[in-house]
Amino acid sequence: MEEWITPPLRVLFPFTSRRDEINVAFIAFQIVEEMGGEVVGFHVLGDRKVDQRFIETISSFAKELKIRFHVAYRERKRSVVEELLSELKKGYDLCVCSSGSGIRVLGDVAQKLIKKSSIKMLVLHTPKVFGVLPRILNRILVVHTNTGEDINAYSVAMVLSKSWLSIKGEVVAVYPVRVHSSIPIDLAYVVEETKEEEKNFLRHVGVKIKDIGSLVTPVTLYARNGAEGLAAYADETKADIILVGVSRKRYPSRFTHMIPLSYAYFLNTLLRRSSCPVLLAFS
């Protein structure tokens, strides 16, 4: 299986000092802790003051993990997005950022970075009521969509599951299958462990994840609404995080997320319904 992220890495972590961005730093640090490299925290100076307590918190965590980490500041002369795009041209391999805040699932900055940059990106959406990710990720769900972008999510899952913080965690590969309205089903979802003859979608990936010592459970999830069923399954099984590989070309536009049964609709519904963080891996 081709590696989506390869060591060593130079990772950009844009932040504004919001609480949910602690989770973003957590993901960036875990990746570099396993892969090697450095994390650069990047803050565009503007009207909002820098929260030194936030910087002290993430710096302390980086020191604990022995991560090379420093913060770079830039005076705002253009839009925040333009400043970030300019910084990304300085030899970064990966950008790990928050989905943002506001009434939309993804804020303007995250949306524009996805659209205008070509660098690999991890965008973390943390529900408002969630709080902070646990130090040990006991259960990682990977959404299998039978697309080429699945490699993104599986690669990140393998890195996170190899981290010393999560080495005893479980990786669950979830294959959502929509149940037609003509078929009676009373539950939000029905999950079955994927049968041996149906493991084609996980054959190569599953073997590789097992080789690194992580337990892999491939399951098929049947539901009227795949995203809502997946969110309910994640909640009931106490998943710590959900990973989804995403193509920039298929990512929601202003209108496609409103079309039922579309890929964009699935993603937006999952982000809105999930009670745990969802990490989108953009190639």
C-alpha atoms as a PDB file:
ATOM      1  CA  MET A   1       0.000   0.000   0.000  1.00  0.00           C
ATOM      2  CA  GLU A   2       1.377   3.386  -0.969  1.00  0.00           C
ATOM      3  CA  GLU A   3       2.090   5.641   1.981  1.00  0.00           C
ATOM      4  CA  TRP A   4       0.047   8.833   1.992  1.00  0.00           C
ATOM      5  CA  ILE A   5       2.362  10.548   4.453  1.00  0.00           C
ATOM      6  CA  THR A   6       6.077   9.816   4.489  1.00  0.00           C
ATOM      7  CA  PRO A   7       8.764  10.812   7.022  1.00  0.00           C
ATOM      8  CA  PRO A   8      10.229  13.134   7.975  1.00  0.00           C
ATOM      9  CA  LEU A   9       7.509  15.754   7.913  1.00  0.00           C
ATOM     10  CA  ARG A  10       7.342  19.507   8.132  1.00  0.00           C
ATOM     11  CA  VAL A  11       3.840  20.195   9.418  1.00  0.00           C
ATOM     12  CA  LEU A  12       2.047  23.540   9.501  1.00  0.00           C
ATOM     13  CA  PHE A  13      -0.438  23.998  12.335  1.00  0.00           C
ATOM     14  CA  PRO A  14      -2.396  27.264  11.859  1.00  0.00           C
ATOM     15  CA  PHE A  15      -4.145  28.403  15.029  1.00  0.00           C
ATOM     16  CA  THR A  16      -6.173  31.221  16.542  1.00  0.00           C
ATOM     17  CA  SER A  17      -6.070  29.918  20.157  1.00  0.00           C
ATOM     18  CA  ARG A  18      -9.555  28.383  20.182  1.00  0.00           C
ATOM     19  CA  ARG A  19     -10.061  25.467  22.551  1.00  0.00           C
ATOM     20  CA  ASP A  20     -10.841  22.973  19.770  1.00  0.00           C
ATOM     21  CA  GLU A  21      -7.415  23.664  18.258  1.00  0.00           C
ATOM     22  CA  ILE A  22      -5.796  21.808  21.155  1.00  0.00           C
ATOM     23  CA  ASN A  23      -7.140  18.659  19.487  1.00  0.00           C
ATOM     24  CA  VAL A  24      -5.566  19.731  16.193  1.00  0.00           C
ATOM     25  CA  ALA A  25      -2.196  20.140  17.911  1.00  0.00           C
ATOM     26  CA  PHE A  26      -2.684  16.705  19.489  1.00  0.00           C
ATOM     27  CA  ILE A  27      -3.103  15.117  16.034  1.00  0.00           C
ATOM     28  CA  ALA A  28      -0.150  17.018  14.536  1.00  0.00           C
ATOM     29  CA  PHE A  29       2.121  16.053  17.434  1.00  0.00           C
ATOM     30  CA  GLN A  30       1.119  12.381  17.333  1.00  0.00           C
ATOM     31  CA  ILE A  31       1.907  12.206  13.616  1.00  0.00           C
ATOM     32  CA  VAL A  32       5.327  13.826  13.996  1.00  0.00           C
ATOM     33  CA  GLU A  33       6.066  11.778  17.123  1.00  0.00           C
ATOM     34  CA  GLU A  34       5.740   8.672  14.972  1.00  0.00           C
ATOM     35  CA  MET A  35       7.015   9.928  11.600  1.00  0.00           C
ATOM     36  CA  GLY A  36       9.700  12.393  12.659  1.00  0.00           C
ATOM     37  CA  GLY A  37      10.077  16.020  11.616  1.00  0.00           C
ATOM     38  CA  GLU A  38       8.754  19.238  13.119  1.00  0.00           C
ATOM     39  CA  VAL A  39       5.523  21.120  13.732  1.00  0.00           C
ATOM     40  CA  VAL A  40       5.306  24.851  13.105  1.00  0.00           C
ATOM     41  CA  GLY A  41       2.481  26.663  14.850  1.00  0.00           C
ATOM     42  CA  PHE A  42       1.429  29.598  12.676  1.00  0.00           C
ATOM     43  CA  HIS A  43      -0.553  32.593  13.867  1.00  0.00           C
ATOM     44  CA  VAL A  44      -1.571  35.622  11.828  1.00  0.00           C
ATOM     45  CA  LEU A  45      -1.521  38.645  14.105  1.00  0.00           C
ATOM     46  CA  GLY A  46      -4.645  40.786  13.953  1.00  0.00           C
ATOM     47  CA  ASP A  47      -7.300  42.273  16.201  1.00  0.00           C
ATOM     48  CA  ARG A  48      -7.442  39.192  18.401  1.00  0.00           C
ATOM     49  CA  LYS A  49      -4.659  38.888  20.986  1.00  0.00           C
ATOM     50  CA  VAL A  50      -2.580  35.746  21.215  1.00  0.00           C
ATOM     51  CA  ASP A  51      -3.606  33.531  24.126  1.00  0.00           C
ATOM     52  CA  GLN A  52      -0.313  32.735  25.846  1.00  0.00           C
ATOM     53  CA  ARG A  53      -1.955  30.059  27.986  1.00  0.00           C
ATOM     54  CA  PHE A  54      -2.944  28.205  24.822  1.00  0.00           C
ATOM     55  CA  ILE A  55       0.633  28.349  23.528  1.00  0.00           C
ATOM     56  CA  GLU A  56       1.999  27.217  26.890  1.00  0.00           C
ATOM     57  CA  THR A  57      -0.414  24.268  26.921  1.00  0.00           C
ATOM     58  CA  ILE A  58       0.503  22.948  23.487  1.00  0.00           C
ATOM     59  CA  SER A  59       4.211  23.718  23.987  1.00  0.00           C
ATOM     60  CA  SER A  60       4.150  21.659  27.174  1.00  0.00           C
ATOM     61  CA  PHE A  61       2.536  18.766  25.325  1.00  0.00           C
ATOM     62  CA  ALA A  62       5.136  19.005  22.532  1.00  0.00           C
ATOM     63  CA  LYS A  63       7.916  18.946  25.122  1.00  0.00           C
ATOM     64  CA  GLU A  64       6.389  15.877  26.755  1.00  0.00           C
ATOM     65  CA  LEU A  65       6.400  14.056  23.405  1.00  0.00           C
ATOM     66  CA  LYS A  66       9.864  15.439  22.557  1.00  0.00           C
ATOM     67  CA  ILE A  67       8.484  17.082  19.425  1.00  0.00           C
ATOM     68  CA  ARG A  68      10.346  19.829  17.584  1.00  0.00           C
ATOM     69  CA  PHE A  69       7.841  22.659  17.813  1.00  0.00           C
ATOM     70  CA  HIS A  70       7.957  26.414  17.511  1.00  0.00           C
ATOM     71  CA  VAL A  71       5.491  29.198  16.815  1.00  0.00           C
ATOM     72  CA  ALA A  72       5.804  31.606  13.890  1.00  0.00           C
ATOM     73  CA  TYR A  73       3.911  34.898  13.815  1.00  0.00           C
ATOM     74  CA  ARG A  74       3.072  37.088  10.867  1.00  0.00           C
ATOM     75  CA  GLU A  75       1.653  40.588  10.802  1.00  0.00           C
ATOM     76  CA  ARG A  76      -1.536  40.611   8.797  1.00  0.00           C
ATOM     77  CA  LYS A  77      -1.078  42.563   5.570  1.00  0.00           C
ATOM     78  CA  ARG A  78      -3.505  40.548   3.456  1.00  0.00           C
ATOM     79  CA  SER A  79      -6.353  38.164   4.197  1.00  0.00           C
ATOM     80  CA  VAL A  80      -5.669  35.315   6.627  1.00  0.00           C
ATOM     81  CA  VAL A  81      -6.037  32.799   3.793  1.00  0.00           C
ATOM     82  CA  GLU A  82      -3.490  34.623   1.625  1.00  0.00           C
ATOM     83  CA  GLU A  83      -1.027  34.730   4.524  1.00  0.00           C
ATOM     84  CA  LEU A  84      -1.483  30.994   5.094  1.00  0.00           C
ATOM     85  CA  LEU A  85      -1.110  30.157   1.402  1.00  0.00           C
ATOM     86  CA  SER A  86       2.095  32.191   1.324  1.00  0.00           C
ATOM     87  CA  GLU A  87       3.464  30.326   4.358  1.00  0.00           C
ATOM     88  CA  LEU A  88       2.560  26.932   2.877  1.00  0.00           C
ATOM     89  CA  LYS A  89       4.926  27.612  -0.025  1.00  0.00           C
ATOM     90  CA  LYS A  90       7.887  27.354   2.362  1.00  0.00           C
ATOM     91  CA  GLY A  91       8.422  23.618   2.058  1.00  0.00           C
ATOM     92  CA  TYR A  92       5.664  22.080   4.170  1.00  0.00           C
ATOM     93  CA  ASP A  93       4.557  18.478   3.637  1.00  0.00           C
ATOM     94  CA  LEU A  94       1.280  18.625   5.521  1.00  0.00           C
ATOM     95  CA  CYS A  95      -1.156  21.159   6.952  1.00  0.00           C
ATOM     96  CA  VAL A  96      -3.200  20.171  10.008  1.00  0.00           C
ATOM     97  CA  CYS A  97      -5.931  22.636  10.899  1.00  0.00           C
ATOM     98  CA  SER A  98      -9.303  23.045  12.558  1.00  0.00           C
ATOM     99  CA  SER A  99     -12.523  23.111  10.580  1.00  0.00           C
ATOM    100  CA  GLY A 100     -13.137  26.540  12.101  1.00  0.00           C
ATOM    101  CA  SER A 101     -16.106  27.979  13.925  1.00  0.00           C
ATOM    102  CA  GLY A 102     -19.419  29.491  12.945  1.00  0.00           C
ATOM    103  CA  ILE A 103     -22.794  28.363  11.687  1.00  0.00           C
ATOM    104  CA  ARG A 104     -21.337  26.318   8.824  1.00  0.00           C
ATOM    105  CA  VAL A 105     -19.619  22.978   9.301  1.00  0.00           C
ATOM    106  CA  LEU A 106     -16.388  24.322   7.812  1.00  0.00           C
ATOM    107  CA  GLY A 107     -15.381  27.943   8.240  1.00  0.00           C
ATOM    108  CA  ASP A 108     -14.281  30.252   5.424  1.00  0.00           C
ATOM    109  CA  VAL A 109     -10.553  29.794   6.077  1.00  0.00           C
ATOM    110  CA  ALA A 110     -10.682  25.982   6.000  1.00  0.00           C
ATOM    111  CA  GLN A 111     -12.905  25.996   2.909  1.00  0.00           C
ATOM    112  CA  LYS A 112     -10.584  28.328   0.995  1.00  0.00           C
ATOM    113  CA  LEU A 113      -7.425  26.466   2.014  1.00  0.00           C
ATOM    114  CA  ILE A 114      -8.951  23.229   0.742  1.00  0.00           C
ATOM    115  CA  LYS A 115      -9.894  24.886  -2.532  1.00  0.00           C
ATOM    116  CA  LYS A 116      -6.774  26.961  -3.199  1.00  0.00           C
ATOM    117  CA  SER A 117      -3.886  24.903  -1.823  1.00  0.00           C
ATOM    118  CA  SER A 118      -2.475  21.691  -3.272  1.00  0.00           C
ATOM    119  CA  ILE A 119      -0.714  20.462  -0.132  1.00  0.00           C
ATOM    120  CA  LYS A 120      -2.002  17.429   1.754  1.00  0.00           C
ATOM    121  CA  MET A 121      -4.346  18.558   4.512  1.00  0.00           C
ATOM    122  CA  LEU A 122      -5.903  17.143   7.653  1.00  0.00           C
ATOM    123  CA  VAL A 123      -8.946  19.108   8.761  1.00  0.00           C
ATOM    124  CA  LEU A 124     -10.326  18.275  12.201  1.00  0.00           C
ATOM    125  CA  HIS A 125     -13.941  18.985  13.075  1.00  0.00           C
ATOM    126  CA  THR A 126     -14.569  18.901  16.827  1.00  0.00           C
ATOM    127  CA  PRO A 127     -18.201  19.033  18.037  1.00  0.00           C
ATOM    128  CA  LYS A 128     -18.840  21.947  20.381  1.00  0.00           C
ATOM    129  CA  VAL A 129     -19.832  19.693  23.278  1.00  0.00           C
ATOM    130  CA  PHE A 130     -16.897  17.292  22.891  1.00  0.00           C
ATOM    131  CA  GLY A 131     -14.034  18.934  24.743  1.00  0.00           C
ATOM    132  CA  VAL A 132     -10.497  17.553  24.420  1.00  0.00           C
ATOM    133  CA  LEU A 133      -9.334  14.295  22.827  1.00  0.00           C
ATOM    134  CA  PRO A 134      -8.118  11.652  25.286  1.00  0.00           C
ATOM    135  CA  ARG A 135      -4.394  11.037  25.479  1.00  0.00           C
ATOM    136  CA  ILE A 136      -4.966   7.424  24.407  1.00  0.00           C
ATOM    137  CA  LEU A 137      -7.097   6.786  21.313  1.00  0.00           C
ATOM    138  CA  ASN A 138      -8.746   3.489  22.187  1.00  0.00           C
ATOM    139  CA  ARG A 139     -10.979   3.238  19.122  1.00  0.00           C
ATOM    140  CA  ILE A 140     -10.336   4.791  15.707  1.00  0.00           C
ATOM    141  CA  LEU A 141     -13.050   4.445  13.055  1.00  0.00           C
ATOM    142  CA  VAL A 142     -12.018   4.598   9.396  1.00  0.00           C
ATOM    143  CA  VAL A 143     -14.832   5.171   6.911  1.00  0.00           C
ATOM    144  CA  HIS A 144     -14.403   2.966   3.861  1.00  0.00           C
ATOM    145  CA  THR A 145     -16.011   4.507   0.769  1.00  0.00           C
ATOM    146  CA  ASN A 146     -14.494   2.306  -1.955  1.00  0.00           C
ATOM    147  CA  THR A 147     -12.730   5.322  -3.454  1.00  0.00           C
ATOM    148  CA  GLY A 148      -9.067   6.060  -4.036  1.00  0.00           C
ATOM    149  CA  GLU A 149      -9.098   8.529  -1.158  1.00  0.00           C
ATOM    150  CA  ASP A 150      -9.536   5.740   1.394  1.00  0.00           C
ATOM    151  CA  ILE A 151      -5.742   5.422   1.377  1.00  0.00           C
ATOM    152  CA  ASN A 152      -5.553   8.872   3.008  1.00  0.00           C
ATOM    153  CA  ALA A 153      -7.587   7.834   6.031  1.00  0.00           C
ATOM    154  CA  TYR A 154      -5.973   4.409   6.388  1.00  0.00           C
ATOM    155  CA  SER A 155      -2.483   5.916   6.285  1.00  0.00           C
ATOM    156  CA  VAL A 156      -3.328   8.384   9.041  1.00  0.00           C
ATOM    157  CA  ALA A 157      -5.024   5.654  11.088  1.00  0.00           C
ATOM    158  CA  MET A 158      -1.891   3.526  10.878  1.00  0.00           C
ATOM    159  CA  VAL A 159       0.275   6.412  12.053  1.00  0.00           C
ATOM    160  CA  LEU A 160      -2.051   7.309  14.933  1.00  0.00           C
ATOM    161  CA  SER A 161      -2.397   3.678  15.999  1.00  0.00           C
ATOM    162  CA  LYS A 162       1.403   3.265  15.990  1.00  0.00           C
ATOM    163  CA  SER A 163       1.937   6.233  18.296  1.00  0.00           C
ATOM    164  CA  TRP A 164       3.038   5.217  21.774  1.00  0.00           C
ATOM    165  CA  LEU A 165      -0.044   6.994  23.108  1.00  0.00           C
ATOM    166  CA  SER A 166      -2.418   4.727  21.199  1.00  0.00           C
ATOM    167  CA  ILE A 167      -0.513   1.511  20.546  1.00  0.00           C
ATOM    168  CA  LYS A 168      -3.155  -0.575  22.324  1.00  0.00           C
ATOM    169  CA  GLY A 169      -6.014   1.042  20.449  1.00  0.00           C
ATOM    170  CA  GLU A 170      -8.329  -0.606  17.944  1.00  0.00           C
ATOM    171  CA  VAL A 171      -8.857   0.389  14.320  1.00  0.00           C
ATOM    172  CA  VAL A 172     -12.369  -0.296  13.016  1.00  0.00           C
ATOM    173  CA  ALA A 173     -12.909  -0.143   9.254  1.00  0.00           C
ATOM    174  CA  VAL A 174     -16.555   0.776   8.653  1.00  0.00           C
ATOM    175  CA  TYR A 175     -18.167   0.122   5.284  1.00  0.00           C
ATOM    176  CA  PRO A 176     -21.488   2.050   5.130  1.00  0.00           C
ATOM    177  CA  VAL A 177     -24.229   0.493   2.995  1.00  0.00           C
ATOM    178  CA  ARG A 178     -27.471   2.373   2.385  1.00  0.00           C
ATOM    179  CA  VAL A 179     -30.634   0.369   3.017  1.00  0.00           C
ATOM    180  CA  HIS A 180     -33.395   1.083   0.500  1.00  0.00           C
ATOM    181  CA  SER A 181     -36.664   2.432   1.885  1.00  0.00           C
ATOM    182  CA  SER A 182     -38.505  -0.686   0.676  1.00  0.00           C
ATOM    183  CA  ILE A 183     -36.528  -2.869   3.094  1.00  0.00           C
ATOM    184  CA  PRO A 184     -37.892  -2.852   6.666  1.00  0.00           C
ATOM    185  CA  ILE A 185     -35.394  -1.741   9.305  1.00  0.00           C
ATOM    186  CA  ASP A 186     -36.400  -0.400  12.712  1.00  0.00           C
ATOM    187  CA  LEU A 187     -32.965   0.555  14.053  1.00  0.00           C
ATOM    188  CA  ALA A 188     -30.756   3.550  13.222  1.00  0.00           C
ATOM    189  CA  TYR A 189     -28.204   1.065  11.927  1.00  0.00           C
ATOM    190  CA  VAL A 190     -27.316  -2.622  11.827  1.00  0.00           C
ATOM    191  CA  VAL A 191     -23.667  -3.673  11.993  1.00  0.00           C
ATOM    192  CA  GLU A 192     -22.243  -7.010  10.949  1.00  0.00           C
ATOM    193  CA  GLU A 193     -18.623  -8.065  11.044  1.00  0.00           C
ATOM    194  CA  THR A 194     -17.523  -8.300   7.433  1.00  0.00           C
ATOM    195  CA  LYS A 195     -17.498 -11.903   6.248  1.00  0.00           C
ATOM    196  CA  GLU A 196     -14.298 -13.508   5.027  1.00  0.00           C
ATOM    197  CA  GLU A 197     -15.406 -13.567   1.393  1.00  0.00           C
ATOM    198  CA  GLU A 198     -16.394  -9.889   1.558  1.00  0.00           C
ATOM    199  CA  LYS A 199     -13.052  -8.589   2.809  1.00  0.00           C
ATOM    200  CA  ASN A 200     -11.790  -7.454  -0.593  1.00  0.00           C
ATOM    201  CA  PHE A 201     -12.137  -3.807   0.370  1.00  0.00           C
ATOM    202  CA  LEU A 202      -9.845  -4.328   3.363  1.00  0.00           C
ATOM    203  CA  ARG A 203      -7.565  -7.151   2.269  1.00  0.00           C
ATOM    204  CA  HIS A 204      -4.283  -5.303   1.695  1.00  0.00           C
ATOM    205  CA  VAL A 205      -4.860  -2.495   4.165  1.00  0.00           C
ATOM    206  CA  GLY A 206      -5.982  -4.806   6.945  1.00  0.00           C
ATOM    207  CA  VAL A 207      -2.901  -6.986   6.684  1.00  0.00           C
ATOM    208  CA  LYS A 208      -0.607  -3.989   6.874  1.00  0.00           C
ATOM    209  CA  ILE A 209      -2.357  -2.512   9.911  1.00  0.00           C
ATOM    210  CA  LYS A 210      -2.199  -5.894  11.635  1.00  0.00           C
ATOM    211  CA  ASP A 211       1.528  -6.053  10.893  1.00  0.00           C
ATOM    212  CA  ILE A 212       2.108  -2.978  13.041  1.00  0.00           C
ATOM    213  CA  GLY A 213       0.356  -4.571  15.986  1.00  0.00           C
ATOM    214  CA  SER A 214      -3.036  -2.869  15.858  1.00  0.00           C
ATOM    215  CA  LEU A 215      -6.259  -4.821  16.054  1.00  0.00           C
ATOM    216  CA  VAL A 216      -8.444  -4.286  12.979  1.00  0.00           C
ATOM    217  CA  THR A 217     -12.158  -5.000  12.916  1.00  0.00           C
ATOM    218  CA  PRO A 218     -13.805  -4.678   9.489  1.00  0.00           C
ATOM    219  CA  VAL A 219     -17.560  -4.132   9.755  1.00  0.00           C
ATOM    220  CA  THR A 220     -20.399  -3.426   7.345  1.00  0.00           C
ATOM    221  CA  LEU A 221     -22.915  -0.847   8.558  1.00  0.00           C
ATOM    222  CA  TYR A 222     -26.428  -0.955   7.108  1.00  0.00           C
ATOM    223  CA  ALA A 223     -28.580   2.145   7.571  1.00  0.00           C
ATOM    224  CA  ARG A 224     -31.221   4.276   5.860  1.00  0.00           C
ATOM    225  CA  ASN A 225     -28.868   7.231   6.220  1.00  0.00           C
ATOM    226  CA  GLY A 226     -25.244   6.105   6.234  1.00  0.00           C
ATOM    227  CA  ALA A 227     -23.894   9.227   7.918  1.00  0.00           C
ATOM    228  CA  GLU A 228     -26.477   9.269  10.703  1.00  0.00           C
ATOM    229  CA  GLY A 229     -26.062   5.530  11.237  1.00  0.00           C
ATOM    230  CA  LEU A 230     -22.286   5.924  11.387  1.00  0.00           C
ATOM    231  CA  ALA A 231     -22.563   8.789  13.884  1.00  0.00           C
ATOM    232  CA  ALA A 232     -24.850   6.685  16.091  1.00  0.00           C
ATOM    233  CA  TYR A 233     -22.501   3.694  15.833  1.00  0.00           C
ATOM    234  CA  ALA A 234     -19.499   5.846  16.777  1.00  0.00           C
ATOM    235  CA  ASP A 235     -21.360   7.209  19.787  1.00  0.00           C
ATOM    236  CA  GLU A 236     -22.568   3.823  21.042  1.00  0.00           C
ATOM    237  CA  THR A 237     -19.171   2.161  20.605  1.00  0.00           C
ATOM    238  CA  LYS A 238     -17.418   5.126  22.265  1.00  0.00           C
ATOM    239  CA  ALA A 239     -15.166   5.856  19.288  1.00  0.00           C
ATOM    240  CA  ASP A 240     -12.552   8.532  19.961  1.00  0.00           C
ATOM    241  CA  ILE A 241     -12.254   9.767  16.385  1.00  0.00           C
ATOM    242  CA  ILE A 242     -13.581   9.099  12.866  1.00  0.00           C
ATOM    243  CA  LEU A 243     -11.258   9.315   9.836  1.00  0.00           C
ATOM    244  CA  VAL A 244     -12.455   9.979   6.289  1.00  0.00           C
ATOM    245  CA  GLY A 245     -10.334  10.234   3.146  1.00  0.00           C
ATOM    246  CA  VAL A 246     -11.577  13.057   0.923  1.00  0.00           C
ATOM    247  CA  SER A 247     -10.864  14.268  -2.595  1.00  0.00           C
ATOM    248  CA  ARG A 248     -10.776  18.018  -3.117  1.00  0.00           C
ATOM    249  CA  LYS A 249     -12.705  17.511  -6.360  1.00  0.00           C
ATOM    250  CA  ARG A 250     -15.559  15.746  -4.585  1.00  0.00           C
ATOM    251  CA  TYR A 251     -15.635  17.987  -1.547  1.00  0.00           C
ATOM    252  CA  PRO A 252     -18.870  19.925  -0.852  1.00  0.00           C
ATOM    253  CA  SER A 253     -19.454  23.166  -2.677  1.00  0.00           C
ATOM    254  CA  ARG A 254     -21.983  25.750  -1.549  1.00  0.00           C
ATOM    255  CA  PHE A 255     -24.817  23.704  -3.034  1.00  0.00           C
ATOM    256  CA  THR A 256     -23.807  20.046  -3.454  1.00  0.00           C
ATOM    257  CA  HIS A 257     -24.002  19.369   0.284  1.00  0.00           C
ATOM    258  CA  MET A 258     -27.772  19.886   0.053  1.00  0.00           C
ATOM    259  CA  ILE A 259     -28.300  17.097  -2.509  1.00  0.00           C
ATOM    260  CA  PRO A 260     -29.537  13.924  -0.741  1.00  0.00           C
ATOM    261  CA  LEU A 261     -27.471  10.751  -1.317  1.00  0.00           C
ATOM    262  CA  SER A 262     -24.500  12.748  -2.634  1.00  0.00           C
ATOM    263  CA  TYR A 263     -21.002  12.262  -1.230  1.00  0.00           C
ATOM    264  CA  ALA A 264     -21.015  15.878  -0.067  1.00  0.00           C
ATOM    265  CA  TYR A 265     -24.323  15.378   1.729  1.00  0.00           C
ATOM    266  CA  PHE A 266     -22.894  12.307   3.492  1.00  0.00           C
ATOM    267  CA  LEU A 267     -19.850  14.249   4.722  1.00  0.00           C
ATOM    268  CA  ASN A 268     -21.797  17.250   5.953  1.00  0.00           C
ATOM    269  CA  THR A 269     -24.352  15.074   7.725  1.00  0.00           C
ATOM    270  CA  LEU A 270     -21.569  13.100   9.416  1.00  0.00           C
ATOM    271  CA  LEU A 271     -19.851  16.281  10.601  1.00  0.00           C
ATOM    272  CA  ARG A 272     -23.098  17.670  11.985  1.00  0.00           C
ATOM    273  CA  ARG A 273     -24.275  14.460  13.671  1.00  0.00           C
ATOM    274  CA  SER A 274     -21.060  12.994  15.053  1.00  0.00           C
ATOM    275  CA  SER A 275     -20.517  13.325  18.791  1.00  0.00           C
ATOM    276  CA  CYS A 276     -16.766  12.694  18.432  1.00  0.00           C
ATOM    277  CA  PRO A 277     -14.171  14.525  16.308  1.00  0.00           C
ATOM    278  CA  VAL A 278     -14.050  13.771  12.577  1.00  0.00           C
ATOM    279  CA  LEU A 279     -10.710  14.043  10.771  1.00  0.00           C
ATOM    280  CA  LEU A 280     -10.875  14.688   7.018  1.00  0.00           C
ATOM    281  CA  ALA A 281      -7.748  13.702   5.073  1.00  0.00           C
ATOM    282  CA  PHE A 282      -7.494  15.675   1.817  1.00  0.00           C
ATOM    283  CA  SER A 283      -5.149  14.537  -0.934  1.00  0.00           C
END
